[in-house]
Amino acid sequence: MGFAVHKVSDDDRLRTVYRLRYKVYCEEWGFERPEDYPDGLETDIFDKQSVHFLVENGTRRLVGTIRLILSSPEGFPLEKYCELDININELPRESLAEISRLAISKEFRRRAEDRFIYGPEEERRNIGSLNNSHGKFRRRSGDGDKTEKPFHERRMKHEAVASLYKAVYLESKRRQITHWYAVMTKGLYILLSRLGIDFHAIGEPVDYHGIRTPYVGEIKKIEQSVSIKNPELFKEFSGEL
């Protein structure tokens, strides 16, 4: 299945993005209250300072979305909602951005992707059930085959997510962004790590759209990691620069 990613540049498509976020974050997972968005569009104060992307399948049906929050006086959600164990003033503020609001349509998600992206049900309900506070995921029974799959199989299995992260990477390079914030489930952290996209935990998990841990990633180091772990992916990501 081929996917195409687009940077959102018009109001109609932006409303499509917000509508998908409403469906995923309000109706499907209950991360946000539907009554707070009577128009059926899930938005917040950070959208105006963000670059938005959407991914479509071969028949131009919406598959998913993600945003890149740029530096502004509004700051970043991660700094607002998480207690960090780093000095944020040591980060390059003008070349820092936050990856946020990853949402994949239920129509195109596998059950495994639900667990990766949004977290196991028990973790969404009970923050005390975490096995480890810094993104080191311990498999439970039934989590699937532990055998490491070839790169092309891993890439295709999570093609929508990988395609969105590729778009974020390309946009970041063009804007000379050097560091990413992200608040992620342990599962998404592992999914990205398997692709070579390595982040580092910078705080304890919080109950924010499910159980999430704050991370930071330095793009230069991520490029080095991907080039070693997944040279095919590195070639794909860097080929359009």
Protein backbone atom coordinates (compact mmCIF):
# COMPACT_ATOMS: atom_id res chain seq x y z
CA MET A 1 0.00 0.00 0.00
CA GLY A 2 1.50 3.30 -1.08
CA PHE A 3 1.08 6.41 1.06
CA ALA A 4 1.51 10.07 0.15
CA VAL A 5 2.27 12.73 2.78
CA HIS A 6 1.26 16.37 2.31
CA LYS A 7 2.05 19.51 4.26
CA VAL A 8 -1.27 21.13 5.08
CA SER A 9 -1.52 24.61 3.59
CA ASP A 10 -5.25 25.37 3.30
CA ASP A 11 -8.11 25.71 5.78
CA ASP A 12 -10.22 22.89 4.33
CA ARG A 13 -7.48 20.31 4.78
CA LEU A 14 -6.64 21.70 8.20
CA ARG A 15 -10.25 21.13 9.26
CA THR A 16 -9.90 17.56 7.97
CA VAL A 17 -6.87 17.14 10.23
CA TYR A 18 -8.71 18.54 13.25
CA ARG A 19 -11.71 16.32 12.50
CA LEU A 20 -9.54 13.20 12.47
CA ARG A 21 -7.90 14.28 15.74
CA TYR A 22 -11.36 14.73 17.26
CA LYS A 23 -12.39 11.26 16.18
CA VAL A 24 -9.22 9.64 17.53
CA TYR A 25 -8.55 11.72 20.66
CA CYS A 26 -12.16 12.37 21.75
CA GLU A 27 -14.41 9.63 20.40
CA GLU A 28 -12.12 6.61 20.23
CA TRP A 29 -9.75 7.08 23.18
CA GLY A 30 -11.33 9.69 25.43
CA PHE A 31 -8.10 11.66 25.83
CA GLU A 32 -10.07 14.88 25.36
CA ARG A 33 -13.68 15.67 26.29
CA PRO A 34 -16.01 15.86 23.25
CA GLU A 35 -18.03 18.64 24.90
CA ASP A 36 -14.95 20.87 24.76
CA TYR A 37 -15.08 20.72 20.95
CA PRO A 38 -18.73 21.21 19.95
CA ASP A 39 -17.75 21.75 16.32
CA GLY A 40 -16.12 18.31 16.15
CA LEU A 41 -12.67 19.80 15.53
CA GLU A 42 -9.94 19.05 18.11
CA THR A 43 -7.62 22.07 18.31
CA ASP A 44 -5.44 23.86 20.87
CA ILE A 45 -3.32 26.99 21.26
CA PHE A 46 -0.27 25.31 19.72
CA ASP A 47 -1.86 24.67 16.31
CA LYS A 48 -1.20 28.20 15.09
CA GLN A 49 2.53 27.78 15.66
CA SER A 50 2.67 24.33 14.06
CA VAL A 51 3.37 22.77 10.69
CA HIS A 52 0.72 20.12 10.02
CA PHE A 53 1.02 17.02 7.87
CA LEU A 54 -1.46 14.45 6.65
CA VAL A 55 -0.93 11.10 4.98
CA GLU A 56 -3.30 9.61 2.40
CA ASN A 57 -3.52 6.19 0.79
CA GLY A 58 -3.57 5.49 -2.94
CA THR A 59 -7.24 6.47 -3.23
CA ARG A 60 -6.62 9.76 -1.38
CA ARG A 61 -8.39 8.64 1.78
CA LEU A 62 -7.05 10.24 4.95
CA VAL A 63 -4.87 7.81 6.90
CA GLY A 64 -3.24 9.94 9.59
CA THR A 65 -1.76 13.21 10.73
CA ILE A 66 1.04 14.70 12.80
CA ARG A 67 2.25 18.21 13.64
CA LEU A 68 5.57 19.89 14.30
CA ILE A 69 5.25 22.64 16.92
CA LEU A 70 7.73 25.43 16.31
CA SER A 71 9.38 27.66 18.89
CA SER A 72 7.24 30.64 19.92
CA PRO A 73 6.28 32.65 23.02
CA GLU A 74 3.62 29.97 23.69
CA GLY A 75 6.40 27.49 24.47
CA PHE A 76 5.85 23.73 24.13
CA PRO A 77 3.23 21.34 25.55
CA LEU A 78 6.00 19.08 26.90
CA GLU A 79 7.33 21.89 29.09
CA LYS A 80 3.81 22.79 30.22
CA TYR A 81 2.54 19.34 31.17
CA CYS A 82 5.68 17.40 32.17
CA GLU A 83 8.12 17.71 35.04
CA LEU A 84 11.55 17.58 33.43
CA ASP A 85 14.91 16.56 34.84
CA ILE A 86 16.92 18.72 32.42
CA ASN A 87 17.71 22.41 32.23
CA ILE A 88 15.61 23.54 29.26
CA ASN A 89 17.68 26.71 28.97
CA GLU A 90 20.58 24.56 27.75
CA LEU A 91 18.59 23.55 24.65
CA PRO A 92 18.78 25.72 21.50
CA ARG A 93 15.35 27.32 21.74
CA GLU A 94 15.15 28.69 18.20
CA SER A 95 16.11 25.37 16.65
CA LEU A 96 13.90 23.25 18.92
CA ALA A 97 10.51 21.84 17.92
CA GLU A 98 8.02 19.35 19.35
CA ILE A 99 6.54 16.41 17.45
CA SER A 100 2.92 16.13 18.51
CA ARG A 101 -0.63 14.91 17.83
CA LEU A 102 0.17 11.73 15.94
CA ALA A 103 -3.20 10.27 14.96
CA ILE A 104 -3.86 7.30 12.67
CA SER A 105 -7.38 6.56 11.43
CA LYS A 106 -8.92 3.49 13.03
CA GLU A 107 -9.68 2.24 9.53
CA PHE A 108 -5.96 1.90 8.82
CA ARG A 109 -4.66 0.91 12.26
CA ARG A 110 -3.71 -2.59 13.28
CA ARG A 111 -4.35 -3.66 16.87
CA ALA A 112 -0.59 -3.73 17.46
CA GLU A 113 -0.39 -0.11 16.36
CA ASP A 114 -3.04 0.83 18.92
CA ARG A 115 -0.79 -0.57 21.63
CA PHE A 116 2.33 1.10 20.21
CA ILE A 117 0.87 4.55 19.61
CA TYR A 118 -1.73 4.95 22.35
CA GLY A 119 -0.52 2.52 25.00
CA PRO A 120 -1.94 -0.69 26.51
CA GLU A 121 -5.35 -0.28 28.14
CA GLU A 122 -4.01 -0.97 31.62
CA GLU A 123 -1.35 1.73 31.21
CA ARG A 124 -3.87 4.30 30.06
CA ARG A 125 -5.92 3.65 33.20
CA ASN A 126 -3.24 3.29 35.85
CA ILE A 127 0.01 5.22 35.85
CA GLY A 128 1.23 3.08 38.74
CA SER A 129 1.31 -0.01 36.54
CA LEU A 130 4.40 1.12 34.62
CA ASN A 131 7.22 -1.40 34.70
CA ASN A 132 9.90 1.22 34.11
CA SER A 133 9.77 5.00 34.03
CA HIS A 134 12.26 5.69 31.24
CA GLY A 135 10.87 4.07 28.15
CA LYS A 136 12.30 0.56 28.66
CA PHE A 137 9.33 -1.60 27.73
CA ARG A 138 9.06 -5.08 29.22
CA ARG A 139 7.01 -7.38 27.05
CA ARG A 140 3.92 -8.98 28.51
CA SER A 141 2.70 -12.38 27.39
CA GLY A 142 0.93 -12.14 24.08
CA ASP A 143 2.90 -9.14 22.89
CA GLY A 144 3.93 -11.06 19.80
CA ASP A 145 6.97 -12.52 18.15
CA LYS A 146 10.22 -11.27 19.65
CA THR A 147 12.19 -12.10 16.51
CA GLU A 148 13.63 -9.00 14.90
CA LYS A 149 12.12 -8.53 11.44
CA PRO A 150 14.04 -7.33 8.35
CA PHE A 151 13.95 -3.59 7.77
CA HIS A 152 11.53 -3.67 4.83
CA GLU A 153 9.01 -5.68 6.87
CA ARG A 154 9.25 -3.29 9.83
CA ARG A 155 8.98 -0.29 7.46
CA MET A 156 5.88 -1.61 5.69
CA LYS A 157 4.17 -2.70 8.92
CA HIS A 158 4.19 0.86 10.23
CA GLU A 159 4.38 2.68 6.91
CA ALA A 160 1.95 5.47 7.84
CA VAL A 161 3.86 6.35 11.01
CA ALA A 162 7.25 6.15 9.26
CA SER A 163 5.98 8.31 6.39
CA LEU A 164 4.78 11.02 8.77
CA TYR A 165 8.09 11.02 10.65
CA LYS A 166 9.91 11.29 7.34
CA ALA A 167 7.90 14.43 6.54
CA VAL A 168 8.69 15.88 9.96
CA TYR A 169 12.39 15.14 9.44
CA LEU A 170 12.51 16.82 6.03
CA GLU A 171 10.65 19.89 7.29
CA SER A 172 12.97 20.10 10.29
CA LYS A 173 16.08 19.96 8.14
CA ARG A 174 14.73 22.70 5.88
CA ARG A 175 14.01 24.90 8.91
CA GLN A 176 17.41 24.13 10.50
CA ILE A 177 15.80 22.52 13.53
CA THR A 178 18.36 20.52 15.51
CA HIS A 179 16.37 19.02 18.40
CA TRP A 180 12.95 17.43 18.86
CA TYR A 181 10.75 17.19 21.90
CA ALA A 182 8.18 14.39 22.00
CA VAL A 183 5.81 12.98 24.62
CA MET A 184 5.29 9.31 23.77
CA THR A 185 4.08 5.95 24.98
CA LYS A 186 6.72 3.34 25.68
CA GLY A 187 5.44 1.45 22.64
CA LEU A 188 5.94 4.34 20.21
CA TYR A 189 9.41 4.91 21.68
CA ILE A 190 10.26 1.28 20.89
CA LEU A 191 8.69 1.40 17.42
CA LEU A 192 10.85 4.40 16.53
CA SER A 193 13.95 2.86 18.13
CA ARG A 194 13.57 -0.20 15.93
CA LEU A 195 13.78 2.15 12.96
CA GLY A 196 16.87 3.79 14.46
CA ILE A 197 15.04 6.94 15.53
CA ASP A 198 16.37 7.21 19.07
CA PHE A 199 15.05 9.57 21.73
CA HIS A 200 16.13 9.98 25.36
CA ALA A 201 13.78 10.24 28.34
CA ILE A 202 13.99 13.56 30.17
CA GLY A 203 11.38 13.08 32.87
CA GLU A 204 8.95 10.74 34.61
CA PRO A 205 5.78 9.44 32.90
CA VAL A 206 2.68 11.60 33.17
CA ASP A 207 -1.00 10.99 32.52
CA TYR A 208 -1.31 13.16 29.41
CA HIS A 209 -3.43 11.69 26.61
CA GLY A 210 -2.73 8.34 28.23
CA ILE A 211 0.51 7.46 29.97
CA ARG A 212 3.34 9.34 28.26
CA THR A 213 7.04 9.98 28.92
CA PRO A 214 8.79 13.19 27.80
CA TYR A 215 11.72 12.69 25.44
CA VAL A 216 14.24 14.74 23.52
CA GLY A 217 16.13 13.77 20.39
CA GLU A 218 19.09 15.44 18.70
CA ILE A 219 18.59 15.16 14.95
CA LYS A 220 22.31 14.84 14.21
CA LYS A 221 22.60 11.85 16.54
CA ILE A 222 19.39 10.36 15.17
CA GLU A 223 20.80 10.57 11.65
CA GLN A 224 23.93 8.74 12.81
CA SER A 225 21.85 6.07 14.52
CA VAL A 226 19.55 5.52 11.54
CA SER A 227 22.51 5.37 9.12
CA ILE A 228 23.96 2.51 11.19
CA LYS A 229 20.82 0.62 12.22
CA ASN A 230 18.78 1.15 9.05
CA PRO A 231 20.87 2.39 6.13
CA GLU A 232 17.93 1.80 3.78
CA LEU A 233 15.74 4.09 5.85
CA PHE A 234 18.50 6.69 6.10
CA LYS A 235 18.87 6.69 2.33
CA GLU A 236 15.11 7.08 1.94
CA PHE A 237 14.85 9.93 4.48
CA SER A 238 17.90 11.85 3.28
CA GLY A 239 17.30 11.28 -0.42
CA GLU A 240 14.89 14.22 -0.71
CA LEU A 241 17.02 16.82 1.09
